PDB file of N, CA and C in Angstrom:
ATOM      1  N   MET A   1       3.266  17.810 -14.335  1.00  0.00           N
ATOM      2  CA  MET A   1       2.157  18.389 -13.608  1.00  0.00           C
ATOM      3  C   MET A   1       1.467  17.329 -12.740  1.00  0.00           C
ATOM      4  N   LYS A   2       1.295  16.125 -13.296  1.00  0.00           N
ATOM      5  CA  LYS A   2       0.646  15.066 -12.530  1.00  0.00           C
ATOM      6  C   LYS A   2       1.491  14.636 -11.343  1.00  0.00           C
ATOM      7  N   VAL A   3       2.821  14.645 -11.524  1.00  0.00           N
ATOM      8  CA  VAL A   3       3.714  14.265 -10.420  1.00  0.00           C
ATOM      9  C   VAL A   3       3.608  15.298  -9.304  1.00  0.00           C
ATOM     10  N   PHE A   4       3.567  16.575  -9.661  1.00  0.00           N
ATOM     11  CA  PHE A   4       3.432  17.632  -8.669  1.00  0.00           C
ATOM     12  C   PHE A   4       2.113  17.483  -7.906  1.00  0.00           C
ATOM     13  N   LEU A   5       1.028  17.264  -8.640  1.00  0.00           N
ATOM     14  CA  LEU A   5      -0.286  17.113  -8.010  1.00  0.00           C
ATOM     15  C   LEU A   5      -0.326  15.857  -7.134  1.00  0.00           C
ATOM     16  N   SER A   6       0.286  14.787  -7.596  1.00  0.00           N
ATOM     17  CA  SER A   6       0.343  13.555  -6.818  1.00  0.00           C
ATOM     18  C   SER A   6       1.098  13.780  -5.511  1.00  0.00           C
ATOM     19  N   LYS A   7       2.222  14.483  -5.591  1.00  0.00           N
ATOM     20  CA  LYS A   7       3.013  14.757  -4.385  1.00  0.00           C
ATOM     21  C   LYS A   7       2.260  15.689  -3.441  1.00  0.00           C
ATOM     22  N   LEU A   8       1.582  16.688  -3.986  1.00  0.00           N
ATOM     23  CA  LEU A   8       0.792  17.608  -3.167  1.00  0.00           C
ATOM     24  C   LEU A   8      -0.318  16.850  -2.436  1.00  0.00           C
ATOM     25  N   LEU A   9      -1.035  15.996  -3.157  1.00  0.00           N
ATOM     26  CA  LEU A   9      -2.090  15.200  -2.526  1.00  0.00           C
ATOM     27  C   LEU A   9      -1.520  14.258  -1.473  1.00  0.00           C
ATOM     28  N   TYR A  10      -0.336  13.725  -1.733  1.00  0.00           N
ATOM     29  CA  TYR A  10       0.314  12.847  -0.754  1.00  0.00           C
ATOM     30  C   TYR A  10       0.564  13.603   0.550  1.00  0.00           C
ATOM     31  N   TYR A  11       1.103  14.812   0.452  1.00  0.00           N
ATOM     32  CA  TYR A  11       1.394  15.592   1.653  1.00  0.00           C
ATOM     33  C   TYR A  11       0.123  16.038   2.367  1.00  0.00           C
ATOM     34  N   ILE A  12      -0.920  16.343   1.621  1.00  0.00           N
ATOM     35  CA  ILE A  12      -2.206  16.680   2.239  1.00  0.00           C
ATOM     36  C   ILE A  12      -2.744  15.468   2.986  1.00  0.00           C
ATOM     37  N   GLY A  13      -2.696  14.299   2.348  1.00  0.00           N
ATOM     38  CA  GLY A  13      -3.146  13.076   3.004  1.00  0.00           C
ATOM     39  C   GLY A  13      -2.311  12.743   4.226  1.00  0.00           C
ATOM     40  N   ASP A  14      -1.014  12.987   4.139  1.00  0.00           N
ATOM     41  CA  ASP A  14      -0.133  12.742   5.278  1.00  0.00           C
ATOM     42  C   ASP A  14      -0.504  13.655   6.448  1.00  0.00           C
ATOM     43  N   LEU A  15      -0.812  14.907   6.155  1.00  0.00           N
ATOM     44  CA  LEU A  15      -1.235  15.839   7.195  1.00  0.00           C
ATOM     45  C   LEU A  15      -2.543  15.368   7.844  1.00  0.00           C
ATOM     46  N   ILE A  16      -3.498  14.940   7.015  1.00  0.00           N
ATOM     47  CA  ILE A  16      -4.778  14.444   7.550  1.00  0.00           C
ATOM     48  C   ILE A  16      -4.548  13.208   8.415  1.00  0.00           C
ATOM     49  N   SER A  17      -3.590  12.362   8.017  1.00  0.00           N
ATOM     50  CA  SER A  17      -3.355  11.128   8.775  1.00  0.00           C
ATOM     51  C   SER A  17      -2.911  11.415  10.207  1.00  0.00           C
ATOM     52  N   LYS A  18      -2.271  12.553  10.438  1.00  0.00           N
ATOM     53  CA  LYS A  18      -1.855  12.917  11.796  1.00  0.00           C
ATOM     54  C   LYS A  18      -3.066  13.112  12.705  1.00  0.00           C
ATOM     55  N   PHE A  19      -4.160  13.602  12.135  1.00  0.00           N
ATOM     56  CA  PHE A  19      -5.375  13.844  12.922  1.00  0.00           C
ATOM     57  C   PHE A  19      -6.167  12.561  13.177  1.00  0.00           C
ATOM     58  N   LEU A  20      -5.882  11.510  12.413  1.00  0.00           N
ATOM     59  CA  LEU A  20      -6.637  10.261  12.565  1.00  0.00           C
ATOM     60  C   LEU A  20      -6.291   9.509  13.843  1.00  0.00           C
ATOM     61  N   PHE A  21      -5.283   9.954  14.569  1.00  0.00           N
ATOM     62  CA  PHE A  21      -4.951   9.328  15.848  1.00  0.00           C
ATOM     63  C   PHE A  21      -6.000   9.642  16.909  1.00  0.00           C
ATOM     64  N   PHE A  22      -6.804  10.663  16.676  1.00  0.00           N
ATOM     65  CA  PHE A  22      -7.840  11.058  17.620  1.00  0.00           C
ATOM     66  C   PHE A  22      -9.179  10.487  17.164  1.00  0.00           C
ATOM     67  N   ASP A  23      -9.836   9.760  18.044  1.00  0.00           N
ATOM     68  CA  ASP A  23     -11.096   9.105  17.687  1.00  0.00           C
ATOM     69  C   ASP A  23     -12.178  10.095  17.267  1.00  0.00           C
ATOM     70  N   CYS A  24     -12.180  11.271  17.855  1.00  0.00           N
ATOM     71  CA  CYS A  24     -13.226  12.242  17.521  1.00  0.00           C
ATOM     72  C   CYS A  24     -13.087  12.774  16.089  1.00  0.00           C
ATOM     73  N   LEU A  25     -11.938  12.554  15.464  1.00  0.00           N
ATOM     74  CA  LEU A  25     -11.722  13.010  14.089  1.00  0.00           C
ATOM     75  C   LEU A  25     -11.717  11.857  13.082  1.00  0.00           C
ATOM     76  N   SER A  26     -12.287  10.747  13.472  1.00  0.00           N
ATOM     77  CA  SER A  26     -12.277   9.578  12.595  1.00  0.00           C
ATOM     78  C   SER A  26     -13.079   9.793  11.309  1.00  0.00           C
ATOM     79  N   PHE A  27     -13.946  10.792  11.295  1.00  0.00           N
ATOM     80  CA  PHE A  27     -14.717  11.083  10.075  1.00  0.00           C
ATOM     81  C   PHE A  27     -13.803  11.547   8.942  1.00  0.00           C
ATOM     82  N   LEU A  28     -12.552  11.894   9.251  1.00  0.00           N
ATOM     83  CA  LEU A  28     -11.607  12.330   8.226  1.00  0.00           C
ATOM     84  C   LEU A  28     -11.019  11.170   7.430  1.00  0.00           C
ATOM     85  N   TYR A  29     -11.316   9.941   7.846  1.00  0.00           N
ATOM     86  CA  TYR A  29     -10.717   8.798   7.159  1.00  0.00           C
ATOM     87  C   TYR A  29     -11.164   8.709   5.700  1.00  0.00           C
ATOM     88  N   ARG A  30     -12.435   8.931   5.440  1.00  0.00           N
ATOM     89  CA  ARG A  30     -12.931   8.815   4.062  1.00  0.00           C
ATOM     90  C   ARG A  30     -12.254   9.816   3.121  1.00  0.00           C
ATOM     91  N   PRO A  31     -12.165  11.103   3.479  1.00  0.00           N
ATOM     92  CA  PRO A  31     -11.431  12.019   2.583  1.00  0.00           C
ATOM     93  C   PRO A  31      -9.952  11.652   2.470  1.00  0.00           C
ATOM     94  N   TYR A  32      -9.359  11.228   3.585  1.00  0.00           N
ATOM     95  CA  TYR A  32      -7.953  10.806   3.565  1.00  0.00           C
ATOM     96  C   TYR A  32      -7.752   9.666   2.574  1.00  0.00           C
ATOM     97  N   ASN A  33      -8.626   8.678   2.630  1.00  0.00           N
ATOM     98  CA  ASN A  33      -8.534   7.514   1.747  1.00  0.00           C
ATOM     99  C   ASN A  33      -8.662   7.932   0.278  1.00  0.00           C
ATOM    100  N   LYS A  34      -9.624   8.782  -0.018  1.00  0.00           N
ATOM    101  CA  LYS A  34      -9.833   9.211  -1.409  1.00  0.00           C
ATOM    102  C   LYS A  34      -8.655  10.041  -1.922  1.00  0.00           C
ATOM    103  N   ILE A  35      -8.105  10.894  -1.066  1.00  0.00           N
ATOM    104  CA  ILE A  35      -6.957  11.719  -1.463  1.00  0.00           C
ATOM    105  C   ILE A  35      -5.754  10.843  -1.776  1.00  0.00           C
ATOM    106  N   MET A  36      -5.486   9.862  -0.912  1.00  0.00           N
ATOM    107  CA  MET A  36      -4.327   8.999  -1.132  1.00  0.00           C
ATOM    108  C   MET A  36      -4.507   8.131  -2.377  1.00  0.00           C
ATOM    109  N   LEU A  37      -5.700   7.604  -2.591  1.00  0.00           N
ATOM    110  CA  LEU A  37      -5.940   6.791  -3.788  1.00  0.00           C
ATOM    111  C   LEU A  37      -5.788   7.626  -5.062  1.00  0.00           C
ATOM    112  N   LEU A  38      -6.260   8.853  -5.026  1.00  0.00           N
ATOM    113  CA  LEU A  38      -6.108   9.739  -6.176  1.00  0.00           C
ATOM    114  C   LEU A  38      -4.630  10.042  -6.417  1.00  0.00           C
ATOM    115  N   SER A  39      -3.879  10.220  -5.341  1.00  0.00           N
ATOM    116  CA  SER A  39      -2.444  10.461  -5.465  1.00  0.00           C
ATOM    117  C   SER A  39      -1.745   9.282  -6.134  1.00  0.00           C
ATOM    118  N   VAL A  40      -2.125   8.075  -5.760  1.00  0.00           N
ATOM    119  CA  VAL A  40      -1.528   6.874  -6.367  1.00  0.00           C
ATOM    120  C   VAL A  40      -1.883   6.791  -7.843  1.00  0.00           C
ATOM    121  N   ARG A  41      -3.135   7.077  -8.180  1.00  0.00           N
ATOM    122  CA  ARG A  41      -3.563   6.993  -9.577  1.00  0.00           C
ATOM    123  C   ARG A  41      -2.852   8.019 -10.466  1.00  0.00           C
ATOM    124  N   LEU A  42      -2.570   9.176  -9.920  1.00  0.00           N
ATOM    125  CA  LEU A  42      -1.894  10.210 -10.707  1.00  0.00           C
ATOM    126  C   LEU A  42      -0.415   9.905 -10.918  1.00  0.00           C
ATOM    127  N   ASP A  43       0.172   9.082 -10.070  1.00  0.00           N
ATOM    128  CA  ASP A  43       1.607   8.792 -10.137  1.00  0.00           C
ATOM    129  C   ASP A  43       1.852   7.587 -11.039  1.00  0.00           C
ATOM    130  N   LYS A  44       1.817   7.799 -12.327  1.00  0.00           N
ATOM    131  CA  LYS A  44       1.981   6.708 -13.295  1.00  0.00           C
ATOM    132  C   LYS A  44       3.420   6.196 -13.365  1.00  0.00           C
ATOM    133  N   ASP A  45       4.401   7.076 -13.137  1.00  0.00           N
ATOM    134  CA  ASP A  45       5.807   6.700 -13.295  1.00  0.00           C
ATOM    135  C   ASP A  45       6.466   6.265 -11.988  1.00  0.00           C
ATOM    136  N   ALA A  46       5.697   6.104 -10.930  1.00  0.00           N
ATOM    137  CA  ALA A  46       6.196   5.661  -9.615  1.00  0.00           C
ATOM    138  C   ALA A  46       7.287   6.583  -9.084  1.00  0.00           C
ATOM    139  N   LYS A  47       7.077   7.871  -9.220  1.00  0.00           N
ATOM    140  CA  LYS A  47       8.047   8.831  -8.685  1.00  0.00           C
ATOM    141  C   LYS A  47       7.705   9.220  -7.254  1.00  0.00           C
ATOM    142  N   VAL A  48       6.431   9.239  -6.921  1.00  0.00           N
ATOM    143  CA  VAL A  48       5.999   9.573  -5.562  1.00  0.00           C
ATOM    144  C   VAL A  48       5.783   8.290  -4.760  1.00  0.00           C
ATOM    145  N   TRP A  49       5.092   7.349  -5.354  1.00  0.00           N
ATOM    146  CA  TRP A  49       4.781   6.072  -4.708  1.00  0.00           C
ATOM    147  C   TRP A  49       5.676   4.999  -5.306  1.00  0.00           C
ATOM    148  N   GLU A  50       6.545   4.429  -4.497  1.00  0.00           N
ATOM    149  CA  GLU A  50       7.438   3.377  -4.971  1.00  0.00           C
ATOM    150  C   GLU A  50       6.651   2.071  -5.073  1.00  0.00           C
ATOM    151  N   ARG A  51       6.773   1.419  -6.191  1.00  0.00           N
ATOM    152  CA  ARG A  51       6.068   0.156  -6.387  1.00  0.00           C
ATOM    153  C   ARG A  51       7.065  -0.999  -6.297  1.00  0.00           C
ATOM    154  N   PRO A  52       6.654  -2.108  -5.702  1.00  0.00           N
ATOM    155  CA  PRO A  52       7.579  -3.248  -5.613  1.00  0.00           C
ATOM    156  C   PRO A  52       7.843  -3.822  -7.001  1.00  0.00           C
ATOM    157  N   PRO A  53       9.033  -4.353  -7.214  1.00  0.00           N
ATOM    158  CA  PRO A  53       9.329  -4.947  -8.523  1.00  0.00           C
ATOM    159  C   PRO A  53       8.502  -6.213  -8.740  1.00  0.00           C
ATOM    160  N   LYS A  54       8.163  -6.455  -9.982  1.00  0.00           N
ATOM    161  CA  LYS A  54       7.399  -7.666 -10.298  1.00  0.00           C
ATOM    162  C   LYS A  54       8.343  -8.853 -10.314  1.00  0.00           C
ATOM    163  N   LEU A  55       7.883  -9.943  -9.739  1.00  0.00           N
ATOM    164  CA  LEU A  55       8.692 -11.156  -9.685  1.00  0.00           C
ATOM    165  C   LEU A  55       8.328 -12.075 -10.841  1.00  0.00           C
ATOM    166  N   SER A  56       9.326 -12.760 -11.343  1.00  0.00           N
ATOM    167  CA  SER A  56       9.052 -13.758 -12.372  1.00  0.00           C
ATOM    168  C   SER A  56       8.402 -14.969 -11.694  1.00  0.00           C
ATOM    169  N   ASP A  57       7.854 -15.863 -12.493  1.00  0.00           N
ATOM    170  CA  ASP A  57       7.210 -17.057 -11.940  1.00  0.00           C
ATOM    171  C   ASP A  57       8.198 -17.897 -11.140  1.00  0.00           C
ATOM    172  N   LYS A  58       9.423 -17.995 -11.632  1.00  0.00           N
ATOM    173  CA  LYS A  58      10.438 -18.780 -10.933  1.00  0.00           C
ATOM    174  C   LYS A  58      10.764 -18.148  -9.575  1.00  0.00           C
ATOM    175  N   GLN A  59      10.930 -16.831  -9.559  1.00  0.00           N
ATOM    176  CA  GLN A  59      11.216 -16.143  -8.303  1.00  0.00           C
ATOM    177  C   GLN A  59      10.065 -16.284  -7.313  1.00  0.00           C
ATOM    178  N   MET A  60       8.845 -16.217  -7.815  1.00  0.00           N
ATOM    179  CA  MET A  60       7.673 -16.360  -6.959  1.00  0.00           C
ATOM    180  C   MET A  60       7.608 -17.759  -6.369  1.00  0.00           C
ATOM    181  N   ASP A  61       7.886 -18.790  -7.175  1.00  0.00           N
ATOM    182  CA  ASP A  61       7.888 -20.165  -6.682  1.00  0.00           C
ATOM    183  C   ASP A  61       8.958 -20.361  -5.606  1.00  0.00           C
ATOM    184  N   GLU A  62      10.132 -19.777  -5.824  1.00  0.00           N
ATOM    185  CA  GLU A  62      11.207 -19.883  -4.838  1.00  0.00           C
ATOM    186  C   GLU A  62      10.809 -19.201  -3.531  1.00  0.00           C
ATOM    187  N   LEU A  63      10.179 -18.065  -3.637  1.00  0.00           N
ATOM    188  CA  LEU A  63       9.742 -17.336  -2.449  1.00  0.00           C
ATOM    189  C   LEU A  63       8.686 -18.138  -1.681  1.00  0.00           C
ATOM    190  N   ILE A  64       7.755 -18.736  -2.393  1.00  0.00           N
ATOM    191  CA  ILE A  64       6.716 -19.539  -1.751  1.00  0.00           C
ATOM    192  C   ILE A  64       7.338 -20.736  -1.040  1.00  0.00           C
ATOM    193  N   GLU A  65       8.276 -21.395  -1.675  1.00  0.00           N
ATOM    194  CA  GLU A  65       8.946 -22.542  -1.054  1.00  0.00           C
ATOM    195  C   GLU A  65       9.717 -22.118   0.199  1.00  0.00           C
ATOM    196  N   GLU A  66      10.347 -20.972   0.133  1.00  0.00           N
ATOM    197  CA  GLU A  66      11.101 -20.471   1.284  1.00  0.00           C
ATOM    198  C   GLU A  66      10.167 -20.181   2.462  1.00  0.00           C
ATOM    199  N   VAL A  67       9.014 -19.613   2.173  1.00  0.00           N
ATOM    200  CA  VAL A  67       8.049 -19.315   3.230  1.00  0.00           C
ATOM    201  C   VAL A  67       7.489 -20.604   3.818  1.00  0.00           C
ATOM    202  N   LYS A  68       7.264 -21.606   2.973  1.00  0.00           N
ATOM    203  CA  LYS A  68       6.744 -22.889   3.458  1.00  0.00           C
ATOM    204  C   LYS A  68       7.724 -23.564   4.413  1.00  0.00           C
ATOM    205  N   LYS A  69       9.011 -23.324   4.225  1.00  0.00           N
ATOM    206  CA  LYS A  69      10.024 -23.926   5.081  1.00  0.00           C
ATOM    207  C   LYS A  69      10.096 -23.264   6.453  1.00  0.00           C
ATOM    208  N   GLN A  70       9.562 -22.088   6.575  1.00  0.00           N
ATOM    209  CA  GLN A  70       9.602 -21.376   7.850  1.00  0.00           C
ATOM    210  C   GLN A  70       8.800 -22.145   8.899  1.00  0.00           C
ATOM    211  N   LYS A  71       9.311 -22.220  10.097  1.00  0.00           N
ATOM    212  CA  LYS A  71       8.636 -22.969  11.159  1.00  0.00           C
ATOM    213  C   LYS A  71       7.438 -22.216  11.715  1.00  0.00           C
ATOM    214  N   TRP A  72       7.453 -20.901  11.622  1.00  0.00           N
ATOM    215  CA  TRP A  72       6.369 -20.125  12.200  1.00  0.00           C
ATOM    216  C   TRP A  72       5.117 -20.117  11.329  1.00  0.00           C
ATOM    217  N   VAL A  73       5.232 -20.615  10.118  1.00  0.00           N
ATOM    218  CA  VAL A  73       4.064 -20.678   9.237  1.00  0.00           C
ATOM    219  C   VAL A  73       3.268 -21.915   9.588  1.00  0.00           C
ATOM    220  N   LYS A  74       2.011 -21.713   9.952  1.00  0.00           N
ATOM    221  CA  LYS A  74       1.159 -22.840  10.321  1.00  0.00           C
ATOM    222  C   LYS A  74       0.653 -23.529   9.062  1.00  0.00           C
ATOM    223  N   LYS A  75       0.706 -24.825   9.091  1.00  0.00           N
ATOM    224  CA  LYS A  75       0.155 -25.577   7.973  1.00  0.00           C
ATOM    225  C   LYS A  75      -1.276 -25.932   8.324  1.00  0.00           C
ATOM    226  N   ARG A  76      -2.167 -25.664   7.422  1.00  0.00           N
ATOM    227  CA  ARG A  76      -3.564 -25.988   7.677  1.00  0.00           C
ATOM    228  C   ARG A  76      -4.173 -26.618   6.441  1.00  0.00           C
ATOM    229  N   LYS A  77      -5.197 -27.368   6.696  1.00  0.00           N
ATOM    230  CA  LYS A  77      -5.888 -28.040   5.580  1.00  0.00           C
ATOM    231  C   LYS A  77      -6.767 -27.040   4.846  1.00  0.00           C
ATOM    232  N   LEU A  78      -6.732 -27.127   3.574  1.00  0.00           N
ATOM    233  CA  LEU A  78      -7.630 -26.315   2.766  1.00  0.00           C
ATOM    234  C   LEU A  78      -8.914 -27.091   2.534  1.00  0.00           C
ATOM    235  N   HIS A  79      -9.988 -26.394   2.472  1.00  0.00           N
ATOM    236  CA  HIS A  79     -11.275 -27.047   2.188  1.00  0.00           C
ATOM    237  C   HIS A  79     -11.281 -27.568   0.765  1.00  0.00           C
ATOM    238  N   GLU A  80     -11.642 -28.775   0.610  1.00  0.00           N
ATOM    239  CA  GLU A  80     -11.665 -29.376  -0.734  1.00  0.00           C
ATOM    240  C   GLU A  80     -13.056 -29.437  -1.276  1.00  0.00           C
TER     241      GLU A  80
END
């Protein structure tokens, strides 16, 4: 039942999102946001909303090192 309700809310939110392209209907953003968040909360088993897999600490460290090697990543000083 929760999966059905989550999917229904997802489609309602998707329909509302089509109207958000028009500035005069921007007041619909708040209901759209609440509907989508409720849809995510109802989907406990990730059947409607796909969740990214959790990375182990080793995988996360490897990913960070790979990103640091990228030339397009700017290196900046952190405030100490």
